[in-house]
């Protein structure tokens, strides 16, 4: 995909205020899983928990992702909203070890 198409794709997938998981492939190979967040003011930001600055926190421009994304998308990668998911309590015991 082109830089422009990545930006359109992120806007299409992340219309609602919320937190999204993104898996993306890089132009040079490999890939990354990270966070996109749509804020109440309408802005969409790339949240990179591994990189933090005093000035901007973990928020970064999605342009970085759009620029570095692979030109041939892999069908197993994409965007999933995660902040509105419910946890099934019948599986809680797996965490009690």
PDB file of N, CA and C in Angstrom:
ATOM      1  N   UNK A   1       0.843  -1.184   0.000  1.00  0.00           N
ATOM      2  CA  UNK A   1       0.000   0.000   0.000  1.00  0.00           C
ATOM      3  C   UNK A   1       0.886   1.243   0.000  1.00  0.00           C
ATOM      4  N   UNK A   2       0.359   2.297  -0.500  1.00  0.00           N
ATOM      5  CA  UNK A   2       1.082   3.567  -0.501  1.00  0.00           C
ATOM      6  C   UNK A   2       0.903   4.259   0.852  1.00  0.00           C
ATOM      7  N   UNK A   3       1.706   5.290   1.092  1.00  0.00           N
ATOM      8  CA  UNK A   3       1.588   6.080   2.321  1.00  0.00           C
ATOM      9  C   UNK A   3       0.171   6.644   2.453  1.00  0.00           C
ATOM     10  N   UNK A   4      -0.360   7.150   1.336  1.00  0.00           N
ATOM     11  CA  UNK A   4      -1.711   7.724   1.341  1.00  0.00           C
ATOM     12  C   UNK A   4      -2.756   6.659   1.677  1.00  0.00           C
ATOM     13  N   UNK A   5      -2.609   5.470   1.112  1.00  0.00           N
ATOM     14  CA  UNK A   5      -3.587   4.400   1.361  1.00  0.00           C
ATOM     15  C   UNK A   5      -3.528   3.916   2.809  1.00  0.00           C
ATOM     16  N   UNK A   6      -2.324   3.853   3.384  1.00  0.00           N
ATOM     17  CA  UNK A   6      -2.221   3.498   4.803  1.00  0.00           C
ATOM     18  C   UNK A   6      -2.999   4.499   5.656  1.00  0.00           C
ATOM     19  N   UNK A   7      -2.826   5.791   5.388  1.00  0.00           N
ATOM     20  CA  UNK A   7      -3.534   6.823   6.153  1.00  0.00           C
ATOM     21  C   UNK A   7      -5.045   6.652   6.008  1.00  0.00           C
ATOM     22  N   UNK A   8      -5.513   6.399   4.793  1.00  0.00           N
ATOM     23  CA  UNK A   8      -6.948   6.169   4.566  1.00  0.00           C
ATOM     24  C   UNK A   8      -7.424   4.929   5.319  1.00  0.00           C
ATOM     25  N   UNK A   9      -6.641   3.865   5.258  1.00  0.00           N
ATOM     26  CA  UNK A   9      -6.985   2.605   5.930  1.00  0.00           C
ATOM     27  C   UNK A   9      -7.120   2.808   7.439  1.00  0.00           C
ATOM     28  N   UNK A  10      -6.157   3.507   8.039  1.00  0.00           N
ATOM     29  CA  UNK A  10      -6.226   3.754   9.482  1.00  0.00           C
ATOM     30  C   UNK A  10      -7.457   4.587   9.829  1.00  0.00           C
ATOM     31  N   UNK A  11      -7.770   5.574   9.005  1.00  0.00           N
ATOM     32  CA  UNK A  11      -8.963   6.399   9.245  1.00  0.00           C
ATOM     33  C   UNK A  11     -10.240   5.566   9.117  1.00  0.00           C
ATOM     34  N   UNK A  12     -10.293   4.674   8.133  1.00  0.00           N
ATOM     35  CA  UNK A  12     -11.464   3.807   7.934  1.00  0.00           C
ATOM     36  C   UNK A  12     -11.664   2.848   9.106  1.00  0.00           C
ATOM     37  N   UNK A  13     -10.586   2.268   9.592  1.00  0.00           N
ATOM     38  CA  UNK A  13     -10.662   1.245  10.647  1.00  0.00           C
ATOM     39  C   UNK A  13     -10.832   1.827  12.042  1.00  0.00           C
ATOM     40  N   UNK A  14     -10.427   3.056  12.235  1.00  0.00           N
ATOM     41  CA  UNK A  14     -10.397   3.653  13.581  1.00  0.00           C
ATOM     42  C   UNK A  14     -11.292   4.887  13.652  1.00  0.00           C
ATOM     43  N   UNK A  15     -12.513   4.776  13.185  1.00  0.00           N
ATOM     44  CA  UNK A  15     -13.429   5.916  13.148  1.00  0.00           C
ATOM     45  C   UNK A  15     -13.899   6.344  14.535  1.00  0.00           C
ATOM     46  N   UNK A  16     -14.152   5.365  15.405  1.00  0.00           N
ATOM     47  CA  UNK A  16     -14.707   5.665  16.727  1.00  0.00           C
ATOM     48  C   UNK A  16     -13.608   5.942  17.741  1.00  0.00           C
ATOM     49  N   UNK A  17     -13.927   6.774  18.741  1.00  0.00           N
ATOM     50  CA  UNK A  17     -13.014   6.995  19.855  1.00  0.00           C
ATOM     51  C   UNK A  17     -12.736   5.651  20.504  1.00  0.00           C
ATOM     52  N   UNK A  18     -11.462   5.305  20.656  1.00  0.00           N
ATOM     53  CA  UNK A  18     -11.123   4.026  21.263  1.00  0.00           C
ATOM     54  C   UNK A  18      -9.672   3.647  21.052  1.00  0.00           C
ATOM     55  N   UNK A  19      -9.342   2.440  21.509  1.00  0.00           N
ATOM     56  CA  UNK A  19      -7.982   1.908  21.444  1.00  0.00           C
ATOM     57  C   UNK A  19      -7.979   0.705  20.504  1.00  0.00           C
ATOM     58  N   UNK A  20      -7.008   0.675  19.613  1.00  0.00           N
ATOM     59  CA  UNK A  20      -6.923  -0.349  18.580  1.00  0.00           C
ATOM     60  C   UNK A  20      -5.527  -0.978  18.570  1.00  0.00           C
ATOM     61  N   UNK A  21      -5.471  -2.274  18.316  1.00  0.00           N
ATOM     62  CA  UNK A  21      -4.198  -2.958  18.110  1.00  0.00           C
ATOM     63  C   UNK A  21      -3.943  -3.011  16.606  1.00  0.00           C
ATOM     64  N   UNK A  22      -2.735  -2.671  16.211  1.00  0.00           N
ATOM     65  CA  UNK A  22      -2.323  -2.696  14.809  1.00  0.00           C
ATOM     66  C   UNK A  22      -1.168  -3.672  14.650  1.00  0.00           C
ATOM     67  N   UNK A  23      -1.277  -4.561  13.679  1.00  0.00           N
ATOM     68  CA  UNK A  23      -0.124  -5.364  13.269  1.00  0.00           C
ATOM     69  C   UNK A  23       0.221  -4.925  11.848  1.00  0.00           C
ATOM     70  N   UNK A  24       1.483  -4.600  11.637  1.00  0.00           N
ATOM     71  CA  UNK A  24       1.909  -4.022  10.366  1.00  0.00           C
ATOM     72  C   UNK A  24       3.250  -4.622   9.949  1.00  0.00           C
ATOM     73  N   UNK A  25       3.421  -4.806   8.651  1.00  0.00           N
ATOM     74  CA  UNK A  25       4.699  -5.252   8.107  1.00  0.00           C
ATOM     75  C   UNK A  25       5.501  -4.048   7.649  1.00  0.00           C
ATOM     76  N   UNK A  26       6.824  -4.150   7.745  1.00  0.00           N
ATOM     77  CA  UNK A  26       7.703  -3.065   7.316  1.00  0.00           C
ATOM     78  C   UNK A  26       8.178  -3.280   5.877  1.00  0.00           C
ATOM     79  N   UNK A  27       8.512  -2.191   5.217  1.00  0.00           N
ATOM     80  CA  UNK A  27       9.018  -2.255   3.838  1.00  0.00           C
ATOM     81  C   UNK A  27      10.231  -3.170   3.717  1.00  0.00           C
ATOM     82  N   UNK A  28      11.128  -3.115   4.679  1.00  0.00           N
ATOM     83  CA  UNK A  28      12.356  -3.898   4.612  1.00  0.00           C
ATOM     84  C   UNK A  28      12.227  -5.311   5.144  1.00  0.00           C
ATOM     85  N   UNK A  29      11.015  -5.716   5.513  1.00  0.00           N
ATOM     86  CA  UNK A  29      10.792  -7.037   6.091  1.00  0.00           C
ATOM     87  C   UNK A  29      10.522  -6.931   7.581  1.00  0.00           C
ATOM     88  N   UNK A  30      10.006  -7.991   8.137  1.00  0.00           N
ATOM     89  CA  UNK A  30       9.645  -7.985   9.554  1.00  0.00           C
ATOM     90  C   UNK A  30       8.335  -7.249   9.771  1.00  0.00           C
ATOM     91  N   UNK A  31       8.011  -7.017  11.005  1.00  0.00           N
ATOM     92  CA  UNK A  31       6.769  -6.337  11.316  1.00  0.00           C
ATOM     93  C   UNK A  31       6.726  -5.907  12.764  1.00  0.00           C
ATOM     94  N   UNK A  32       5.564  -5.410  13.179  1.00  0.00           N
ATOM     95  CA  UNK A  32       5.424  -4.845  14.514  1.00  0.00           C
ATOM     96  C   UNK A  32       3.956  -4.899  14.921  1.00  0.00           C
ATOM     97  N   UNK A  33       3.726  -5.049  16.198  1.00  0.00           N
ATOM     98  CA  UNK A  33       2.382  -4.899  16.770  1.00  0.00           C
ATOM     99  C   UNK A  33       2.445  -3.692  17.690  1.00  0.00           C
ATOM    100  N   UNK A  34       1.498  -2.781  17.546  1.00  0.00           N
ATOM    101  CA  UNK A  34       1.498  -1.568  18.353  1.00  0.00           C
ATOM    102  C   UNK A  34       0.071  -1.082  18.551  1.00  0.00           C
ATOM    103  N   UNK A  35      -0.088   0.121  19.046  1.00  0.00           N
ATOM    104  CA  UNK A  35      -1.397   0.650  19.423  1.00  0.00           C
ATOM    105  C   UNK A  35      -1.707   1.910  18.622  1.00  0.00           C
ATOM    106  N   UNK A  36      -2.945   2.009  18.139  1.00  0.00           N
ATOM    107  CA  UNK A  36      -3.487   3.249  17.586  1.00  0.00           C
ATOM    108  C   UNK A  36      -4.599   3.685  18.528  1.00  0.00           C
ATOM    109  N   UNK A  37      -4.739   4.991  18.732  1.00  0.00           N
ATOM    110  CA  UNK A  37      -5.819   5.468  19.594  1.00  0.00           C
ATOM    111  C   UNK A  37      -6.489   6.676  18.981  1.00  0.00           C
ATOM    112  N   UNK A  38      -7.822   6.617  18.908  1.00  0.00           N
ATOM    113  CA  UNK A  38      -8.635   7.749  18.463  1.00  0.00           C
ATOM    114  C   UNK A  38      -9.082   8.475  19.729  1.00  0.00           C
ATOM    115  N   UNK A  39      -8.715   9.738  19.844  1.00  0.00           N
ATOM    116  CA  UNK A  39      -9.030  10.524  21.029  1.00  0.00           C
ATOM    117  C   UNK A  39     -10.350  11.270  20.868  1.00  0.00           C
ATOM    118  N   UNK A  40     -10.872  11.754  21.980  1.00  0.00           N
ATOM    119  CA  UNK A  40     -12.148  12.486  21.992  1.00  0.00           C
ATOM    120  C   UNK A  40     -12.129  13.693  21.051  1.00  0.00           C
ATOM    121  N   UNK A  41     -10.961  14.324  20.885  1.00  0.00           N
ATOM    122  CA  UNK A  41     -10.873  15.497  20.010  1.00  0.00           C
ATOM    123  C   UNK A  41     -10.802  15.126  18.526  1.00  0.00           C
ATOM    124  N   UNK A  42     -10.868  13.810  18.232  1.00  0.00           N
ATOM    125  CA  UNK A  42     -10.873  13.342  16.852  1.00  0.00           C
ATOM    126  C   UNK A  42      -9.516  12.959  16.293  1.00  0.00           C
ATOM    127  N   UNK A  43      -8.441  13.283  16.997  1.00  0.00           N
ATOM    128  CA  UNK A  43      -7.114  12.938  16.488  1.00  0.00           C
ATOM    129  C   UNK A  43      -6.852  11.443  16.616  1.00  0.00           C
ATOM    130  N   UNK A  44      -6.096  10.926  15.667  1.00  0.00           N
ATOM    131  CA  UNK A  44      -5.677   9.528  15.678  1.00  0.00           C
ATOM    132  C   UNK A  44      -4.170   9.515  15.867  1.00  0.00           C
ATOM    133  N   UNK A  45      -3.702   8.820  16.899  1.00  0.00           N
ATOM    134  CA  UNK A  45      -2.275   8.781  17.212  1.00  0.00           C
ATOM    135  C   UNK A  45      -1.776   7.350  17.286  1.00  0.00           C
ATOM    136  N   UNK A  46      -0.509   7.219  17.001  1.00  0.00           N
ATOM    137  CA  UNK A  46       0.243   5.978  17.136  1.00  0.00           C
ATOM    138  C   UNK A  46       0.822   6.012  18.545  1.00  0.00           C
ATOM    139  N   UNK A  47       0.491   5.028  19.361  1.00  0.00           N
ATOM    140  CA  UNK A  47       0.995   4.948  20.730  1.00  0.00           C
ATOM    141  C   UNK A  47       2.073   3.870  20.747  1.00  0.00           C
ATOM    142  N   UNK A  48       3.300   4.281  21.007  1.00  0.00           N
ATOM    143  CA  UNK A  48       4.406   3.324  21.040  1.00  0.00           C
ATOM    144  C   UNK A  48       4.901   3.192  22.476  1.00  0.00           C
ATOM    145  N   UNK A  49       4.445   2.151  23.189  1.00  0.00           N
ATOM    146  CA  UNK A  49       4.804   1.990  24.593  1.00  0.00           C
ATOM    147  C   UNK A  49       6.307   1.826  24.831  1.00  0.00           C
ATOM    148  N   UNK A  50       7.063   1.440  23.817  1.00  0.00           N
ATOM    149  CA  UNK A  50       8.500   1.234  23.991  1.00  0.00           C
ATOM    150  C   UNK A  50       9.301   2.529  23.893  1.00  0.00           C
ATOM    151  N   UNK A  51       8.666   3.598  23.421  1.00  0.00           N
ATOM    152  CA  UNK A  51       9.355   4.876  23.256  1.00  0.00           C
ATOM    153  C   UNK A  51       8.542   5.953  23.959  1.00  0.00           C
ATOM    154  N   UNK A  52       9.191   6.711  24.848  1.00  0.00           N
ATOM    155  CA  UNK A  52       8.491   7.732  25.629  1.00  0.00           C
ATOM    156  C   UNK A  52       9.334   8.995  25.659  1.00  0.00           C
ATOM    157  N   UNK A  53       8.682  10.140  25.486  1.00  0.00           N
ATOM    158  CA  UNK A  53       9.395  11.411  25.622  1.00  0.00           C
ATOM    159  C   UNK A  53       8.645  12.282  26.621  1.00  0.00           C
ATOM    160  N   UNK A  54       9.369  13.109  27.338  1.00  0.00           N
ATOM    161  CA  UNK A  54       8.762  14.000  28.333  1.00  0.00           C
ATOM    162  C   UNK A  54       7.768  14.959  27.676  1.00  0.00           C
ATOM    163  N   UNK A  55       8.048  15.370  26.455  1.00  0.00           N
ATOM    164  CA  UNK A  55       7.212  16.352  25.766  1.00  0.00           C
ATOM    165  C   UNK A  55       5.896  15.764  25.261  1.00  0.00           C
ATOM    166  N   UNK A  56       5.968  14.607  24.617  1.00  0.00           N
ATOM    167  CA  UNK A  56       4.765  14.074  23.973  1.00  0.00           C
ATOM    168  C   UNK A  56       4.288  12.748  24.540  1.00  0.00           C
ATOM    169  N   UNK A  57       4.955  12.236  25.564  1.00  0.00           N
ATOM    170  CA  UNK A  57       4.567  10.938  26.114  1.00  0.00           C
ATOM    171  C   UNK A  57       4.856   9.843  25.107  1.00  0.00           C
ATOM    172  N   UNK A  58       3.916   8.923  24.954  1.00  0.00           N
ATOM    173  CA  UNK A  58       4.093   7.817  24.009  1.00  0.00           C
ATOM    174  C   UNK A  58       3.364   8.078  22.691  1.00  0.00           C
ATOM    175  N   UNK A  59       2.687   9.240  22.565  1.00  0.00           N
ATOM    176  CA  UNK A  59       1.935   9.567  21.350  1.00  0.00           C
ATOM    177  C   UNK A  59       2.876   9.960  20.224  1.00  0.00           C
ATOM    178  N   UNK A  60       2.617   9.400  19.043  1.00  0.00           N
ATOM    179  CA  UNK A  60       3.393   9.730  17.859  1.00  0.00           C
ATOM    180  C   UNK A  60       2.443   9.886  16.675  1.00  0.00           C
ATOM    181  N   UNK A  61       2.916  10.518  15.629  1.00  0.00           N
ATOM    182  CA  UNK A  61       2.123  10.702  14.420  1.00  0.00           C
ATOM    183  C   UNK A  61       1.978   9.375  13.675  1.00  0.00           C
ATOM    184  N   UNK A  62       0.795   9.150  13.093  1.00  0.00           N
ATOM    185  CA  UNK A  62       0.612   7.934  12.293  1.00  0.00           C
ATOM    186  C   UNK A  62       1.409   7.999  10.992  1.00  0.00           C
ATOM    187  N   UNK A  63       1.913   9.190  10.643  1.00  0.00           N
ATOM    188  CA  UNK A  63       2.704   9.337   9.415  1.00  0.00           C
ATOM    189  C   UNK A  63       3.906   8.396   9.400  1.00  0.00           C
ATOM    190  N   UNK A  64       4.487   8.168  10.573  1.00  0.00           N
ATOM    191  CA  UNK A  64       5.646   7.270  10.673  1.00  0.00           C
ATOM    192  C   UNK A  64       5.275   5.857  10.222  1.00  0.00           C
ATOM    193  N   UNK A  65       4.100   5.393  10.636  1.00  0.00           N
ATOM    194  CA  UNK A  65       3.629   4.065  10.230  1.00  0.00           C
ATOM    195  C   UNK A  65       3.301   4.037   8.741  1.00  0.00           C
ATOM    196  N   UNK A  66       2.644   5.094   8.272  1.00  0.00           N
ATOM    197  CA  UNK A  66       2.255   5.169   6.857  1.00  0.00           C
ATOM    198  C   UNK A  66       3.477   5.148   5.948  1.00  0.00           C
ATOM    199  N   UNK A  67       4.530   5.824   6.370  1.00  0.00           N
ATOM    200  CA  UNK A  67       5.759   5.908   5.577  1.00  0.00           C
ATOM    201  C   UNK A  67       6.519   4.585   5.548  1.00  0.00           C
ATOM    202  N   UNK A  68       6.496   3.850   6.668  1.00  0.00           N
ATOM    203  CA  UNK A  68       7.330   2.651   6.802  1.00  0.00           C
ATOM    204  C   UNK A  68       6.618   1.343   6.478  1.00  0.00           C
ATOM    205  N   UNK A  69       5.298   1.390   6.286  1.00  0.00           N
ATOM    206  CA  UNK A  69       4.529   0.169   6.048  1.00  0.00           C
ATOM    207  C   UNK A  69       4.871  -0.518   4.737  1.00  0.00           C
ATOM    208  N   UNK A  70       4.789  -1.831   4.747  1.00  0.00           N
ATOM    209  CA  UNK A  70       5.079  -2.631   3.553  1.00  0.00           C
ATOM    210  C   UNK A  70       4.128  -2.274   2.415  1.00  0.00           C
ATOM    211  N   UNK A  71       4.634  -2.311   1.191  1.00  0.00           N
ATOM    212  CA  UNK A  71       3.802  -1.973   0.036  1.00  0.00           C
ATOM    213  C   UNK A  71       2.864  -3.110  -0.346  1.00  0.00           C
ATOM    214  N   UNK A  72       3.218  -4.338   0.033  1.00  0.00           N
ATOM    215  CA  UNK A  72       2.355  -5.495  -0.232  1.00  0.00           C
ATOM    216  C   UNK A  72       1.814  -6.011   1.097  1.00  0.00           C
ATOM    217  N   UNK A  73       0.585  -5.647   1.432  1.00  0.00           N
ATOM    218  CA  UNK A  73       0.023  -6.069   2.718  1.00  0.00           C
ATOM    219  C   UNK A  73      -0.104  -7.589   2.818  1.00  0.00           C
ATOM    220  N   UNK A  74       0.077  -8.098   4.011  1.00  0.00           N
ATOM    221  CA  UNK A  74      -0.078  -9.520   4.319  1.00  0.00           C
ATOM    222  C   UNK A  74      -1.452  -9.690   4.953  1.00  0.00           C
ATOM    223  N   UNK A  75      -2.282 -10.628   4.478  1.00  0.00           N
ATOM    224  CA  UNK A  75      -3.674 -10.722   4.934  1.00  0.00           C
ATOM    225  C   UNK A  75      -3.861 -11.021   6.425  1.00  0.00           C
ATOM    226  N   UNK A  76      -2.829 -11.478   7.111  1.00  0.00           N
ATOM    227  CA  UNK A  76      -2.963 -11.791   8.536  1.00  0.00           C
ATOM    228  C   UNK A  76      -2.732 -10.569   9.421  1.00  0.00           C
ATOM    229  N   UNK A  77      -2.381  -9.442   8.829  1.00  0.00           N
ATOM    230  CA  UNK A  77      -2.138  -8.219   9.594  1.00  0.00           C
ATOM    231  C   UNK A  77      -3.332  -7.297   9.461  1.00  0.00           C
ATOM    232  N   UNK A  78      -3.512  -6.418  10.446  1.00  0.00           N
ATOM    233  CA  UNK A  78      -4.625  -5.493  10.370  1.00  0.00           C
ATOM    234  C   UNK A  78      -4.838  -4.734  11.661  1.00  0.00           C
ATOM    235  N   UNK A  79      -6.086  -4.281  11.856  1.00  0.00           N
ATOM    236  CA  UNK A  79      -6.458  -3.442  12.992  1.00  0.00           C
ATOM    237  C   UNK A  79      -7.632  -4.083  13.715  1.00  0.00           C
ATOM    238  N   UNK A  80      -7.585  -4.080  15.054  1.00  0.00           N
ATOM    239  CA  UNK A  80      -8.661  -4.620  15.884  1.00  0.00           C
ATOM    240  C   UNK A  80      -8.895  -3.689  17.057  1.00  0.00           C
ATOM    241  N   UNK A  81     -10.138  -3.251  17.250  1.00  0.00           N
ATOM    242  CA  UNK A  81     -10.458  -2.432  18.421  1.00  0.00           C
ATOM    243  C   UNK A  81     -10.444  -3.325  19.652  1.00  0.00           C
ATOM    244  N   UNK A  82      -9.791  -2.867  20.727  1.00  0.00           N
ATOM    245  CA  UNK A  82      -9.644  -3.714  21.910  1.00  0.00           C
ATOM    246  C   UNK A  82     -10.228  -3.127  23.190  1.00  0.00           C
ATOM    247  N   UNK A  83     -10.511  -1.846  23.244  1.00  0.00           N
ATOM    248  CA  UNK A  83     -10.970  -1.260  24.504  1.00  0.00           C
ATOM    249  C   UNK A  83     -12.424  -1.581  24.833  1.00  0.00           C
ATOM    250  N   UNK A  84     -13.158  -2.123  23.899  1.00  0.00           N
ATOM    251  CA  UNK A  84     -14.572  -2.429  24.136  1.00  0.00           C
ATOM    252  C   UNK A  84     -14.841  -3.930  24.252  1.00  0.00           C
ATOM    253  N   UNK A  85     -13.802  -4.711  24.451  1.00  0.00           N
ATOM    254  CA  UNK A  85     -13.969  -6.168  24.561  1.00  0.00           C
ATOM    255  C   UNK A  85     -14.303  -6.549  25.998  1.00  0.00           C
ATOM    256  N   UNK A  86     -15.110  -7.579  26.157  1.00  0.00           N
ATOM    257  CA  UNK A  86     -15.483  -8.082  27.478  1.00  0.00           C
ATOM    258  C   UNK A  86     -14.671  -9.330  27.793  1.00  0.00           C
ATOM    259  N   UNK A  87     -14.342  -9.505  29.057  1.00  0.00           N
ATOM    260  CA  UNK A  87     -13.596 -10.670  29.501  1.00  0.00           C
ATOM    261  C   UNK A  87     -14.576 -11.706  30.021  1.00  0.00           C
ATOM    262  N   UNK A  88     -14.486 -12.923  29.533  1.00  0.00           N
ATOM    263  CA  UNK A  88     -15.354 -14.011  29.983  1.00  0.00           C
ATOM    264  C   UNK A  88     -14.788 -14.563  31.290  1.00  0.00           C
ATOM    265  N   UNK A  89     -15.496 -14.332  32.395  1.00  0.00           N
ATOM    266  CA  UNK A  89     -14.991 -14.698  33.724  1.00  0.00           C
ATOM    267  C   UNK A  89     -14.829 -16.199  33.919  1.00  0.00           C
ATOM    268  N   UNK A  90     -15.439 -17.019  33.090  1.00  0.00           N
ATOM    269  CA  UNK A  90     -15.263 -18.464  33.264  1.00  0.00           C
ATOM    270  C   UNK A  90     -13.832 -18.904  32.952  1.00  0.00           C
ATOM    271  N   UNK A  91     -13.055 -18.017  32.325  1.00  0.00           N
ATOM    272  CA  UNK A  91     -11.658 -18.317  32.036  1.00  0.00           C
ATOM    273  C   UNK A  91     -10.700 -17.655  33.030  1.00  0.00           C
ATOM    274  N   UNK A  92     -11.213 -17.008  34.063  1.00  0.00           N
ATOM    275  CA  UNK A  92     -10.372 -16.297  35.033  1.00  0.00           C
ATOM    276  C   UNK A  92      -9.385 -17.217  35.734  1.00  0.00           C
ATOM    277  N   UNK A  93      -9.718 -18.468  35.885  1.00  0.00           N
ATOM    278  CA  UNK A  93      -8.845 -19.396  36.616  1.00  0.00           C
ATOM    279  C   UNK A  93      -7.485 -19.591  35.939  1.00  0.00           C
ATOM    280  N   UNK A  94      -7.377 -19.321  34.662  1.00  0.00           N
ATOM    281  CA  UNK A  94      -6.081 -19.493  33.992  1.00  0.00           C
ATOM    282  C   UNK A  94      -5.047 -18.498  34.518  1.00  0.00           C
ATOM    283  N   UNK A  95      -5.501 -17.416  35.167  1.00  0.00           N
ATOM    284  CA  UNK A  95      -4.587 -16.405  35.702  1.00  0.00           C
ATOM    285  C   UNK A  95      -4.247 -16.651  37.166  1.00  0.00           C
ATOM    286  N   UNK A  96      -4.858 -17.647  37.776  1.00  0.00           N
ATOM    287  CA  UNK A  96      -4.664 -17.942  39.195  1.00  0.00           C
ATOM    288  C   UNK A  96      -3.684 -19.102  39.346  1.00  0.00           C
ATOM    289  N   UNK A  97      -2.433 -18.858  38.999  1.00  0.00           N
ATOM    290  CA  UNK A  97      -1.412 -19.915  39.070  1.00  0.00           C
ATOM    291  C   UNK A  97      -0.206 -19.447  39.823  1.00  0.00           C
TER     292      UNK A  97
END
